[in-house]
Amino acid sequence: MAQNDSTLFKGKLTNKELNVYMSIDFYHKNLKVQGQEVFGEMPGYFGDRLDSRKWLITDADVDGKIAHLSIINDYGSEDLVADLVLLSDGTYELQQKEGSSIKIARNRKWVKIPKNLVFIKEN
């Protein structure tokens, strides 16, 4: 039954440890990045609360409790393939599979986020 739930991969996911989030709607694929509307509608994006740069989710295919993602940075210079998996405890794990690593800016340096990063869904 959960495989047909059109709210599993929709909403805002947060990782408080790194202060990052994901805004997603893998069903309607109609989100726009605030302040960067030039990119148009997309399935979602990965953001950092301390920096305005985004990683854009350009494609998302939901397969049960796994979403297969194509992600690109907002410069268009780096891209990767990842899975977003709904775990049995209700959290989500972003698993970077191949390509570039997602990086965020900290203290004027680029820092790679872990290949596997857990998020909680905000209500």
N, C-alpha and C. Protein backbone atom coordinates (compact mmCIF):
# COMPACT_ATOMS: atom_id res chain seq x y z
N MET A 1 0.82 -1.19 0.00
CA MET A 1 0.00 0.00 0.00
C MET A 1 0.86 1.26 0.00
N ALA A 2 1.97 1.24 0.77
CA ALA A 2 2.84 2.41 0.85
C ALA A 2 3.46 2.75 -0.50
N GLN A 3 3.57 1.76 -1.38
CA GLN A 3 4.17 2.01 -2.68
C GLN A 3 3.34 2.98 -3.51
N ASN A 4 2.05 3.07 -3.22
CA ASN A 4 1.18 3.96 -3.97
C ASN A 4 0.95 5.28 -3.25
N ASP A 5 1.61 5.50 -2.12
CA ASP A 5 1.42 6.70 -1.33
C ASP A 5 2.15 7.86 -1.99
N SER A 6 1.38 8.85 -2.47
CA SER A 6 2.00 9.97 -3.18
C SER A 6 2.50 11.07 -2.25
N THR A 7 2.68 10.75 -0.96
CA THR A 7 3.25 11.72 -0.03
C THR A 7 4.60 11.27 0.51
N LEU A 8 5.01 10.04 0.19
CA LEU A 8 6.29 9.54 0.71
C LEU A 8 7.46 10.41 0.26
N PHE A 9 7.47 10.78 -1.01
CA PHE A 9 8.57 11.56 -1.56
C PHE A 9 8.09 12.96 -1.93
N LYS A 10 7.47 13.61 -0.94
CA LYS A 10 6.99 14.98 -1.11
C LYS A 10 7.12 15.68 0.23
N GLY A 11 7.72 16.89 0.23
CA GLY A 11 7.85 17.65 1.47
C GLY A 11 9.26 18.16 1.68
N LYS A 12 9.56 18.46 2.94
CA LYS A 12 10.87 18.98 3.29
C LYS A 12 11.58 18.00 4.22
N LEU A 13 12.78 17.62 3.84
CA LEU A 13 13.61 16.72 4.64
C LEU A 13 14.78 17.51 5.19
N THR A 14 15.15 17.23 6.44
CA THR A 14 16.20 18.01 7.10
C THR A 14 17.25 17.10 7.74
N ASN A 15 18.50 17.54 7.65
CA ASN A 15 19.59 16.95 8.42
C ASN A 15 20.13 18.08 9.28
N LYS A 16 19.81 18.05 10.57
CA LYS A 16 20.18 19.15 11.47
C LYS A 16 21.68 19.18 11.76
N GLU A 17 22.33 18.02 11.74
CA GLU A 17 23.76 17.96 12.03
C GLU A 17 24.57 18.81 11.06
N LEU A 18 24.28 18.71 9.76
CA LEU A 18 24.99 19.48 8.75
C LEU A 18 24.26 20.76 8.36
N ASN A 19 23.04 20.94 8.89
CA ASN A 19 22.23 22.13 8.59
C ASN A 19 21.89 22.22 7.11
N VAL A 20 21.51 21.07 6.54
CA VAL A 20 21.12 20.98 5.14
C VAL A 20 19.70 20.42 5.05
N TYR A 21 19.10 20.58 3.88
CA TYR A 21 17.73 20.12 3.69
C TYR A 21 17.50 19.73 2.24
N MET A 22 16.38 19.05 2.02
CA MET A 22 15.93 18.73 0.67
C MET A 22 14.46 19.13 0.58
N SER A 23 14.11 19.88 -0.44
CA SER A 23 12.72 20.16 -0.76
C SER A 23 12.39 19.28 -1.96
N ILE A 24 11.36 18.43 -1.82
CA ILE A 24 11.08 17.46 -2.87
C ILE A 24 9.59 17.32 -3.16
N ASP A 25 9.28 17.05 -4.39
CA ASP A 25 7.97 16.58 -4.83
C ASP A 25 8.22 15.75 -6.09
N PHE A 26 8.50 14.47 -5.86
CA PHE A 26 8.88 13.59 -6.96
C PHE A 26 7.67 13.13 -7.78
N TYR A 27 6.48 13.54 -7.39
CA TYR A 27 5.26 13.15 -8.11
C TYR A 27 4.85 14.22 -9.12
N HIS A 28 4.77 15.47 -8.67
CA HIS A 28 4.36 16.56 -9.56
C HIS A 28 5.55 17.22 -10.26
N LYS A 29 6.74 17.11 -9.65
CA LYS A 29 7.99 17.63 -10.22
C LYS A 29 7.84 19.10 -10.64
N ASN A 30 7.27 19.90 -9.73
CA ASN A 30 6.95 21.29 -10.07
C ASN A 30 7.53 22.31 -9.09
N LEU A 31 8.63 21.97 -8.41
CA LEU A 31 9.23 22.91 -7.46
C LEU A 31 10.17 23.87 -8.18
N LYS A 32 10.21 25.10 -7.68
CA LYS A 32 11.15 26.09 -8.17
C LYS A 32 12.04 26.52 -7.01
N VAL A 33 13.31 26.76 -7.30
CA VAL A 33 14.24 27.23 -6.29
C VAL A 33 14.02 28.72 -6.09
N GLN A 34 13.68 29.10 -4.87
CA GLN A 34 13.43 30.52 -4.59
C GLN A 34 14.67 31.35 -4.90
N GLY A 35 14.47 32.39 -5.69
CA GLY A 35 15.58 33.25 -6.08
C GLY A 35 16.34 32.74 -7.30
N GLN A 36 16.03 31.52 -7.71
CA GLN A 36 16.70 30.92 -8.86
C GLN A 36 15.66 30.28 -9.78
N GLU A 37 14.55 30.99 -9.97
CA GLU A 37 13.44 30.49 -10.77
C GLU A 37 13.83 30.24 -12.23
N VAL A 38 14.96 30.80 -12.65
CA VAL A 38 15.42 30.63 -14.02
C VAL A 38 15.61 29.14 -14.37
N PHE A 39 15.82 28.30 -13.37
CA PHE A 39 15.99 26.87 -13.61
C PHE A 39 14.67 26.18 -13.93
N GLY A 40 13.55 26.83 -13.66
CA GLY A 40 12.24 26.25 -13.95
C GLY A 40 11.80 25.23 -12.92
N GLU A 41 10.79 24.47 -13.28
CA GLU A 41 10.23 23.47 -12.37
C GLU A 41 11.06 22.19 -12.40
N MET A 42 11.18 21.57 -11.23
CA MET A 42 11.98 20.35 -11.10
C MET A 42 11.44 19.50 -9.95
N PRO A 43 11.90 18.26 -9.84
CA PRO A 43 11.43 17.38 -8.77
C PRO A 43 11.86 17.83 -7.36
N GLY A 44 12.92 18.62 -7.28
CA GLY A 44 13.38 19.06 -5.96
C GLY A 44 14.78 19.62 -5.99
N TYR A 45 15.28 19.92 -4.80
CA TYR A 45 16.64 20.44 -4.68
C TYR A 45 17.19 20.20 -3.29
N PHE A 46 18.52 20.19 -3.20
CA PHE A 46 19.27 20.03 -1.96
C PHE A 46 19.81 21.39 -1.60
N GLY A 47 19.51 21.87 -0.40
CA GLY A 47 19.95 23.20 0.01
C GLY A 47 20.72 23.18 1.32
N ASP A 48 21.39 24.27 1.57
CA ASP A 48 22.21 24.47 2.75
C ASP A 48 21.69 25.73 3.45
N ARG A 49 21.37 25.64 4.71
CA ARG A 49 20.82 26.80 5.44
C ARG A 49 21.85 27.92 5.63
N LEU A 50 23.12 27.61 5.43
CA LEU A 50 24.18 28.62 5.63
C LEU A 50 24.72 29.18 4.32
N ASP A 51 24.19 28.74 3.18
CA ASP A 51 24.72 29.15 1.89
C ASP A 51 23.59 29.08 0.86
N SER A 52 23.60 29.97 -0.09
CA SER A 52 22.49 30.04 -1.05
C SER A 52 22.62 29.08 -2.23
N ARG A 53 23.78 28.46 -2.41
CA ARG A 53 23.95 27.55 -3.54
C ARG A 53 23.10 26.30 -3.34
N LYS A 54 22.65 25.73 -4.45
CA LYS A 54 21.78 24.55 -4.41
C LYS A 54 22.32 23.45 -5.32
N TRP A 55 21.91 22.24 -5.01
CA TRP A 55 22.10 21.09 -5.88
C TRP A 55 20.71 20.74 -6.38
N LEU A 56 20.52 20.72 -7.68
CA LEU A 56 19.21 20.57 -8.30
C LEU A 56 18.93 19.11 -8.65
N ILE A 57 17.76 18.64 -8.26
CA ILE A 57 17.33 17.29 -8.63
C ILE A 57 16.61 17.42 -9.97
N THR A 58 17.28 16.99 -11.03
CA THR A 58 16.74 17.19 -12.37
C THR A 58 15.84 16.05 -12.82
N ASP A 59 15.96 14.89 -12.17
CA ASP A 59 15.10 13.76 -12.51
C ASP A 59 14.93 12.89 -11.28
N ALA A 60 13.73 12.35 -11.08
CA ALA A 60 13.44 11.47 -9.95
C ALA A 60 12.44 10.42 -10.40
N ASP A 61 12.81 9.16 -10.23
CA ASP A 61 11.92 8.05 -10.54
C ASP A 61 11.67 7.26 -9.26
N VAL A 62 10.42 7.23 -8.82
CA VAL A 62 10.05 6.53 -7.59
C VAL A 62 9.77 5.07 -7.91
N ASP A 63 10.40 4.20 -7.13
CA ASP A 63 10.21 2.76 -7.25
C ASP A 63 9.97 2.21 -5.85
N GLY A 64 8.72 2.22 -5.41
CA GLY A 64 8.40 1.78 -4.05
C GLY A 64 8.92 2.75 -3.03
N LYS A 65 9.84 2.29 -2.20
CA LYS A 65 10.40 3.14 -1.14
C LYS A 65 11.79 3.68 -1.50
N ILE A 66 12.11 3.63 -2.79
CA ILE A 66 13.39 4.16 -3.28
C ILE A 66 13.10 5.12 -4.43
N ALA A 67 13.76 6.26 -4.41
CA ALA A 67 13.69 7.20 -5.53
C ALA A 67 15.08 7.31 -6.14
N HIS A 68 15.16 7.09 -7.44
CA HIS A 68 16.42 7.17 -8.17
C HIS A 68 16.54 8.60 -8.71
N LEU A 69 17.65 9.27 -8.38
CA LEU A 69 17.79 10.70 -8.65
C LEU A 69 18.96 11.02 -9.56
N SER A 70 18.78 12.06 -10.38
CA SER A 70 19.87 12.71 -11.10
C SER A 70 19.99 14.10 -10.49
N ILE A 71 21.21 14.47 -10.10
CA ILE A 71 21.43 15.73 -9.38
C ILE A 71 22.57 16.48 -10.05
N ILE A 72 22.43 17.82 -10.12
CA ILE A 72 23.46 18.67 -10.71
C ILE A 72 23.61 19.92 -9.84
N ASN A 73 24.83 20.47 -9.78
CA ASN A 73 24.96 21.70 -9.00
C ASN A 73 24.42 22.88 -9.81
N ASP A 74 24.18 23.99 -9.15
CA ASP A 74 23.54 25.12 -9.84
C ASP A 74 24.47 25.88 -10.77
N TYR A 75 25.72 25.44 -10.88
CA TYR A 75 26.63 25.98 -11.89
C TYR A 75 26.61 25.12 -13.15
N GLY A 76 26.12 23.89 -13.01
CA GLY A 76 26.10 22.96 -14.12
C GLY A 76 27.43 22.26 -14.34
N SER A 77 28.35 22.39 -13.40
CA SER A 77 29.69 21.84 -13.60
C SER A 77 29.89 20.46 -12.98
N GLU A 78 29.00 20.03 -12.08
CA GLU A 78 29.15 18.73 -11.43
C GLU A 78 27.78 18.06 -11.38
N ASP A 79 27.80 16.74 -11.56
CA ASP A 79 26.54 16.00 -11.48
C ASP A 79 26.78 14.63 -10.86
N LEU A 80 25.70 14.01 -10.42
CA LEU A 80 25.80 12.71 -9.80
C LEU A 80 24.47 11.97 -9.88
N VAL A 81 24.55 10.69 -9.59
CA VAL A 81 23.38 9.83 -9.49
C VAL A 81 23.29 9.39 -8.04
N ALA A 82 22.07 9.42 -7.48
CA ALA A 82 21.88 9.05 -6.08
C ALA A 82 20.53 8.37 -5.92
N ASP A 83 20.37 7.71 -4.78
CA ASP A 83 19.08 7.15 -4.39
C ASP A 83 18.66 7.82 -3.09
N LEU A 84 17.38 8.07 -2.96
CA LEU A 84 16.81 8.51 -1.70
C LEU A 84 15.91 7.37 -1.25
N VAL A 85 16.25 6.78 -0.08
CA VAL A 85 15.59 5.57 0.39
C VAL A 85 14.81 5.88 1.66
N LEU A 86 13.54 5.48 1.69
CA LEU A 86 12.73 5.57 2.90
C LEU A 86 13.07 4.36 3.76
N LEU A 87 13.63 4.61 4.93
CA LEU A 87 14.04 3.52 5.82
C LEU A 87 12.87 3.08 6.70
N SER A 88 13.01 1.92 7.33
CA SER A 88 11.92 1.34 8.12
C SER A 88 11.55 2.20 9.34
N ASP A 89 12.47 3.05 9.82
CA ASP A 89 12.17 3.90 10.98
C ASP A 89 11.54 5.23 10.58
N GLY A 90 11.24 5.41 9.29
CA GLY A 90 10.59 6.63 8.83
C GLY A 90 11.55 7.73 8.41
N THR A 91 12.86 7.51 8.57
CA THR A 91 13.84 8.48 8.11
C THR A 91 14.16 8.18 6.64
N TYR A 92 14.87 9.10 6.02
CA TYR A 92 15.28 8.96 4.62
C TYR A 92 16.80 8.98 4.57
N GLU A 93 17.37 8.17 3.68
CA GLU A 93 18.82 8.17 3.51
C GLU A 93 19.15 8.52 2.07
N LEU A 94 19.93 9.58 1.90
CA LEU A 94 20.44 9.95 0.59
C LEU A 94 21.73 9.17 0.37
N GLN A 95 21.76 8.36 -0.68
CA GLN A 95 22.91 7.52 -0.99
C GLN A 95 23.50 7.96 -2.32
N GLN A 96 24.65 8.63 -2.27
CA GLN A 96 25.31 9.07 -3.49
C GLN A 96 25.98 7.86 -4.13
N LYS A 97 25.62 7.58 -5.39
CA LYS A 97 26.07 6.36 -6.06
C LYS A 97 27.28 6.57 -6.96
N GLU A 98 27.17 7.47 -7.93
CA GLU A 98 28.28 7.67 -8.87
C GLU A 98 28.29 9.11 -9.36
N GLY A 99 29.44 9.54 -9.79
CA GLY A 99 29.60 10.91 -10.25
C GLY A 99 30.27 11.76 -9.19
N SER A 100 30.01 13.05 -9.23
CA SER A 100 30.60 13.99 -8.28
C SER A 100 30.04 13.75 -6.88
N SER A 101 30.67 14.37 -5.89
CA SER A 101 30.16 14.35 -4.52
C SER A 101 29.48 15.68 -4.24
N ILE A 102 28.39 15.64 -3.49
CA ILE A 102 27.74 16.89 -3.09
C ILE A 102 28.65 17.60 -2.09
N LYS A 103 28.87 18.87 -2.34
CA LYS A 103 29.74 19.68 -1.48
C LYS A 103 28.97 20.89 -0.97
N ILE A 104 29.29 21.31 0.25
CA ILE A 104 28.73 22.52 0.82
C ILE A 104 29.89 23.41 1.28
N ALA A 105 29.63 24.70 1.39
CA ALA A 105 30.68 25.64 1.81
C ALA A 105 30.65 25.80 3.33
N ARG A 106 31.80 25.63 3.95
CA ARG A 106 31.97 25.84 5.38
C ARG A 106 33.30 26.55 5.61
N ASN A 107 33.24 27.68 6.29
CA ASN A 107 34.45 28.45 6.59
C ASN A 107 35.28 28.70 5.34
N ARG A 108 34.59 29.10 4.27
CA ARG A 108 35.20 29.45 2.98
C ARG A 108 35.93 28.30 2.30
N LYS A 109 35.54 27.06 2.65
CA LYS A 109 36.12 25.88 2.02
C LYS A 109 34.99 24.93 1.62
N TRP A 110 35.22 24.16 0.55
CA TRP A 110 34.25 23.16 0.14
C TRP A 110 34.43 21.92 1.01
N VAL A 111 33.32 21.40 1.49
CA VAL A 111 33.32 20.20 2.32
C VAL A 111 32.36 19.19 1.68
N LYS A 112 32.85 17.98 1.42
CA LYS A 112 31.99 16.93 0.88
C LYS A 112 31.07 16.42 1.97
N ILE A 113 29.79 16.26 1.64
CA ILE A 113 28.91 15.64 2.62
C ILE A 113 29.12 14.13 2.54
N PRO A 114 28.80 13.39 3.59
CA PRO A 114 28.97 11.94 3.56
C PRO A 114 28.19 11.30 2.41
N LYS A 115 28.72 10.21 1.87
CA LYS A 115 28.05 9.51 0.76
C LYS A 115 26.65 9.04 1.16
N ASN A 116 26.46 8.71 2.43
CA ASN A 116 25.16 8.31 2.95
C ASN A 116 24.79 9.30 4.05
N LEU A 117 23.68 9.98 3.88
CA LEU A 117 23.26 11.02 4.82
C LEU A 117 21.78 10.84 5.15
N VAL A 118 21.47 10.81 6.45
CA VAL A 118 20.09 10.57 6.91
C VAL A 118 19.36 11.89 7.12
N PHE A 119 18.10 11.92 6.69
CA PHE A 119 17.22 13.08 6.83
C PHE A 119 15.95 12.67 7.57
N ILE A 120 15.34 13.64 8.25
CA ILE A 120 14.02 13.43 8.83
C ILE A 120 13.04 14.32 8.10
N LYS A 121 11.81 13.87 8.01
CA LYS A 121 10.78 14.63 7.31
C LYS A 121 10.12 15.60 8.28
N GLU A 122 10.03 16.87 7.85
CA GLU A 122 9.36 17.88 8.67
C GLU A 122 7.84 17.75 8.49
N ASN A 123 7.12 18.04 9.54
CA ASN A 123 5.65 17.98 9.46
C ASN A 123 5.07 19.31 9.08
